Protein backbone atom coordinates (compact mmCIF):
# COMPACT_ATOMS: atom_id res chain seq x y z
CA MET A 1 -1.78 -15.39 23.63
CA GLU A 2 -3.34 -15.88 20.21
CA LYS A 3 -2.90 -13.01 17.79
CA THR A 4 -5.40 -11.84 15.18
CA VAL A 5 -3.69 -10.53 12.05
CA ASN A 6 -5.47 -8.03 9.80
CA PHE A 7 -3.73 -7.51 6.47
CA TYR A 8 -4.23 -4.19 4.66
CA GLY A 9 -1.99 -4.77 1.67
CA ASN A 10 0.46 -7.20 0.11
CA ASN A 11 2.44 -4.82 -2.02
CA LYS A 12 2.87 -1.04 -1.81
CA ASP A 13 5.39 1.54 -2.97
CA PHE A 14 6.87 4.26 -0.79
CA VAL A 15 9.15 7.24 -1.08
CA ILE A 16 11.08 8.93 1.67
CA TYR A 17 10.81 12.61 0.70
CA LYS A 18 12.73 15.17 2.74
CA GLY A 19 13.00 12.60 5.52
CA ARG A 20 9.28 11.70 5.62
CA LYS A 21 7.59 8.56 4.33
CA TYR A 22 4.72 8.72 1.83
CA TYR A 23 2.70 6.21 -0.18
CA TYR A 24 3.61 6.40 -3.84
CA GLU A 25 1.52 5.64 -6.93
CA ASN A 26 3.77 4.09 -9.58
CA TYR A 27 4.85 6.32 -12.47
CA SER A 28 3.05 9.35 -11.05
CA GLY A 29 6.17 11.27 -10.05
CA SER A 30 4.10 12.89 -7.29
CA ILE A 31 2.92 12.38 -3.73
CA SER A 32 -0.26 13.46 -1.94
CA TRP A 33 -1.18 13.87 1.71
CA TYR A 34 -4.06 15.09 3.85
CA PHE A 35 -3.53 18.29 5.83
CA ASP A 36 -5.56 20.00 8.55
CA ILE A 37 -7.64 22.78 6.93
CA LEU A 38 -8.07 24.98 10.02
CA LYS A 39 -4.38 24.69 10.91
CA LEU A 40 -3.35 25.64 7.37
CA LEU A 41 -5.51 28.77 7.61
CA SER A 42 -4.55 29.79 11.15
CA ASP A 43 -0.96 28.61 11.66
CA LYS A 44 1.54 30.48 9.47
CA ASN A 45 4.44 28.15 10.28
CA TYR A 46 2.38 25.04 9.46
CA TYR A 47 1.22 26.64 6.20
CA ASN A 48 4.77 27.61 5.19
CA GLU A 49 6.18 24.18 6.02
CA THR A 50 3.43 22.44 4.03
CA ILE A 51 3.19 24.73 1.00
CA ILE A 52 6.71 26.15 0.77
CA SER A 53 9.16 23.78 2.46
CA LEU A 54 7.48 20.45 1.60
CA GLU A 55 6.05 21.86 -1.67
CA PHE A 56 2.56 20.40 -1.30
CA ASN A 57 1.36 23.32 -3.38
CA ARG A 58 -1.19 21.77 -5.72
CA PHE A 59 -4.85 21.05 -5.02
CA GLU A 60 -6.07 17.95 -6.84
CA ILE A 61 -9.48 17.86 -8.53
CA ILE A 62 -10.84 14.68 -10.11
CA TYR A 63 -13.18 15.25 -13.03
CA ASP A 64 -14.70 13.32 -15.91
CA TYR A 65 -13.56 14.15 -19.43
CA GLN A 66 -14.74 12.20 -22.48
CA TYR A 67 -15.77 9.29 -20.24
CA LYS A 68 -12.34 9.19 -18.58
CA ARG A 69 -11.39 10.33 -15.10
CA LYS A 70 -8.76 13.06 -15.18
CA LYS A 71 -6.79 15.01 -12.58
CA LEU A 72 -6.49 18.76 -12.51
CA PHE A 73 -3.94 20.41 -10.21
CA LEU A 74 -4.65 23.97 -9.06
CA PRO A 75 -1.97 26.15 -7.39
CA VAL A 76 -2.66 26.37 -3.67
CA SER A 77 -3.40 29.59 -1.83
CA LYS A 78 -5.12 30.36 1.47
CA GLU A 79 -8.03 31.76 -0.53
CA LEU A 80 -8.42 28.49 -2.42
CA ILE A 81 -8.23 26.41 0.78
CA GLU A 82 -10.77 28.65 2.46
CA TYR A 83 -13.11 28.52 -0.53
CA TYR A 84 -13.05 24.74 -0.88
CA SER A 85 -13.42 24.24 2.86
CA THR A 86 -16.85 25.87 2.57
CA THR A 87 -18.10 23.83 -0.40
CA LYS A 88 -20.54 20.97 0.05
CA GLU A 89 -17.85 18.41 -0.77
CA PHE A 90 -15.82 19.46 2.27
CA GLU A 91 -18.55 20.41 4.72
CA ASN A 92 -17.89 17.34 6.89
CA SER A 93 -14.15 17.20 6.33
CA LYS A 94 -11.39 18.65 8.48
CA THR A 95 -8.61 17.85 6.03
CA ILE A 96 -7.67 18.73 2.47
CA ARG A 97 -5.70 16.56 0.05
CA LEU A 98 -2.71 18.40 -1.40
CA THR A 99 -0.15 17.17 -3.91
CA ASN A 100 3.53 17.72 -4.58
CA ILE A 101 4.18 17.16 -8.30
CA HIS A 102 7.96 17.87 -8.27
CA ILE A 103 9.60 15.39 -5.88
CA ASN A 104 12.43 14.09 -8.10
CA ASN A 105 15.34 15.98 -6.56
CA ASN A 106 14.41 15.46 -2.93
CA VAL A 107 13.67 11.73 -2.71
CA ASN A 108 15.91 10.13 -0.09
CA SER A 109 14.70 6.58 -0.70
CA PHE A 110 12.32 4.79 -3.07
CA TYR A 111 11.19 1.20 -2.53
CA GLU A 112 8.53 -1.45 -2.94
CA PHE A 113 7.35 -3.14 0.27
CA SER A 114 5.76 -6.58 -0.13
CA ILE A 115 4.85 -9.26 2.38
CA GLU A 116 4.93 -13.04 2.37
CA VAL A 117 4.16 -15.62 5.06
CA ILE A 118 5.79 -18.76 6.43
CA ILE A 119 3.52 -21.64 7.42
CA ASP A 120 5.08 -24.92 8.59
CA ASN A 121 8.43 -23.83 7.04
CA PHE A 122 6.71 -23.16 3.70
CA ARG A 123 7.27 -19.62 2.45
CA THR A 124 4.75 -18.15 0.05
CA GLY A 125 2.96 -15.09 -1.21
CA PHE A 126 -0.76 -14.82 -0.57
CA GLN A 127 -3.90 -12.81 -1.15
CA ARG A 128 -6.22 -11.30 1.42
CA SER A 129 -9.66 -12.85 1.73
CA PHE A 130 -12.67 -10.57 1.55
CA ALA A 131 -15.07 -13.46 2.17
CA PHE A 132 -13.40 -14.88 5.30
CA GLU A 133 -11.88 -12.57 7.93
CA ASP A 134 -9.78 -15.37 9.40
CA LYS A 135 -8.39 -16.78 6.13
CA ILE A 136 -5.85 -16.02 3.44
CA TYR A 137 -5.65 -17.38 -0.10
CA ILE A 138 -2.55 -19.03 -1.54
CA GLU A 139 -2.63 -19.42 -5.31
CA THR A 140 -1.98 -22.95 -6.57
CA PRO A 141 1.25 -23.01 -8.64
CA GLU A 142 1.62 -24.81 -11.97
CA ASN A 143 4.79 -26.54 -10.78
CA GLU A 144 3.70 -30.10 -9.93
CA PHE A 145 6.17 -30.55 -7.06
CA LEU A 146 5.07 -27.33 -5.34
CA LYS A 147 1.43 -28.15 -6.02
CA SER A 148 1.86 -31.55 -4.36
CA GLN A 149 3.69 -29.99 -1.41
CA MET A 150 0.95 -27.41 -0.90
CA THR A 151 -1.80 -30.04 -1.17
CA GLN A 152 -0.13 -32.03 1.60
CA LEU A 153 0.09 -28.95 3.79
CA PHE A 154 -3.22 -27.23 3.04
CA GLY A 155 -5.51 -29.76 1.38
CA GLU A 156 -7.00 -29.68 -2.09
CA PRO A 157 -7.16 -26.26 -3.80
CA GLU A 158 -10.51 -24.77 -4.69
CA ASN A 159 -12.12 -21.83 -6.42
CA ILE A 160 -12.46 -18.94 -3.97
CA PRO A 161 -15.82 -17.21 -3.32
CA GLU A 162 -14.64 -13.89 -4.82
CA LEU A 163 -14.08 -15.59 -8.20
CA ASP A 164 -17.11 -17.87 -8.12
CA GLY A 165 -19.00 -15.81 -10.70
CA GLU A 166 -15.98 -15.62 -13.00
CA LYS A 167 -14.80 -19.20 -13.17
CA TYR A 168 -16.68 -19.98 -16.35
CA ASP A 169 -16.09 -16.61 -18.04
CA SER A 170 -12.54 -17.24 -19.24
CA GLY A 171 -10.49 -20.14 -20.46
CA LYS A 172 -8.35 -20.25 -17.34
CA LYS A 173 -9.66 -21.14 -13.91
CA PHE A 174 -7.82 -19.92 -10.82
CA PHE A 175 -7.59 -22.19 -7.81
CA PHE A 176 -6.33 -21.39 -4.33
CA ASN A 177 -5.67 -23.02 -1.01
CA ILE A 178 -7.83 -21.38 1.65
CA VAL A 179 -5.70 -21.25 4.80
CA SER A 180 -6.44 -20.10 8.34
CA LYS A 181 -4.41 -17.09 9.51
CA SER A 182 -3.84 -18.90 12.81
CA ARG A 183 -1.42 -21.21 10.99
CA ILE A 184 0.94 -18.36 10.09
CA ASP A 185 4.27 -18.68 11.92
CA LYS A 186 6.15 -15.72 10.45
CA ILE A 187 5.46 -12.69 8.27
CA ILE A 188 8.25 -11.60 5.94
CA GLY A 189 8.53 -8.01 4.76
CA VAL A 190 10.62 -7.52 1.62
CA LYS A 191 11.90 -4.06 0.73
CA LYS A 192 13.08 -3.85 -2.88
CA TYR A 193 14.81 -0.56 -3.50
CA ARG A 194 14.24 1.41 -6.71
CA ASP A 195 16.55 3.85 -8.47
CA THR A 196 15.49 7.32 -7.31
CA SER A 197 16.62 8.81 -10.65
CA THR A 198 13.92 6.80 -12.47
CA ILE A 199 11.00 8.03 -10.40
CA GLY A 200 8.07 9.11 -12.54
CA GLN A 201 9.48 7.63 -15.74
CA PRO A 202 6.73 5.98 -17.81
CA ASP A 203 9.14 3.43 -19.29
CA GLY A 204 9.85 1.96 -15.89
CA GLU A 205 10.95 2.81 -12.36
CA LYS A 206 13.97 0.55 -12.09
CA PHE A 207 15.03 -1.64 -9.17
CA THR A 208 18.61 -1.32 -7.94
CA GLY A 209 18.94 -5.00 -6.99
CA ILE A 210 19.28 -4.10 -3.30
CA GLU A 211 16.80 -5.87 -1.05
CA GLU A 212 16.14 -5.94 2.68
CA GLU A 213 14.06 -8.47 4.61
CA LEU A 214 12.24 -8.06 7.90
CA VAL A 215 11.02 -11.14 9.77
CA LEU A 216 8.13 -10.88 12.21
CA ASP A 217 7.97 -14.11 14.20
CA LEU A 218 4.47 -14.44 15.64
CA ASN A 219 5.72 -17.02 18.16
CA ASN A 220 8.60 -14.83 19.36
CA PHE A 221 7.09 -11.40 18.95
CA ASP A 222 9.32 -8.35 18.39
CA GLU A 223 7.39 -5.12 18.94
CA ASN A 224 9.95 -3.01 17.06
CA ILE A 225 9.71 -5.11 13.89
CA TYR A 226 5.92 -5.13 14.14
CA LYS A 227 5.88 -1.31 14.29
CA ILE A 228 7.65 -1.17 10.92
CA PHE A 229 4.91 -3.26 9.29
CA GLU A 230 2.23 -1.22 11.04
CA ASP A 231 3.87 2.09 10.14
CA HIS A 232 3.80 1.08 6.46
CA GLY A 233 0.07 0.35 6.67
CA MET A 234 0.56 -3.32 5.78
CA LEU A 235 -1.03 -4.99 8.78
CA GLU A 236 -2.40 -4.69 12.28
CA ILE A 237 -2.17 -7.34 14.98
CA GLN A 238 -4.67 -7.57 17.81
CA ARG A 239 -3.54 -9.32 20.97
């Protein structure tokens, strides 16, 4: 049965904090999540686990200051949650975004998750296409041997629709091979682990050198491996 692959990201960072996985914004030193407003107000155990045990005890406000977007973090209380749940901004929302700004000592794991594809035994990175639902873009390398190999496999590279208005605006033009998703044989997930002691450091969140690869063979489908990709919000496969 033919599978339709929807990619939602090529590269994301994650932390495992107190045994739970969260998306992580590089150098932020913090994590955010959406929590049920009514449950926070009515369920004492849920409130205590969220605010006290997991330390999601800051409410994030985005505001403009001197033409720059800034973040302000307010200490969380039931009164604050109740107040903001009645404001116009939240009138149609059932959740509230809370932030933990002190995760350093409780991070179990910290890693980058990226994906590549294998097509006709050729392994490569790629970009999602926003112009074609059934295509991906593979950037043409400068290496002449690889460029020749890719031309034989995928045809002549071209400027993609998303960059059409930009191709004359800079000295460098970017060309890609536009490739059908149906040609993908395998999807490779690469976990590159970072040093948990460097989390939030502005001079760099260092890699440890430890890597792990996951191979999802679309012709010999493994549901368990697929669930890992899906659970990380990287892709969805319709069958």
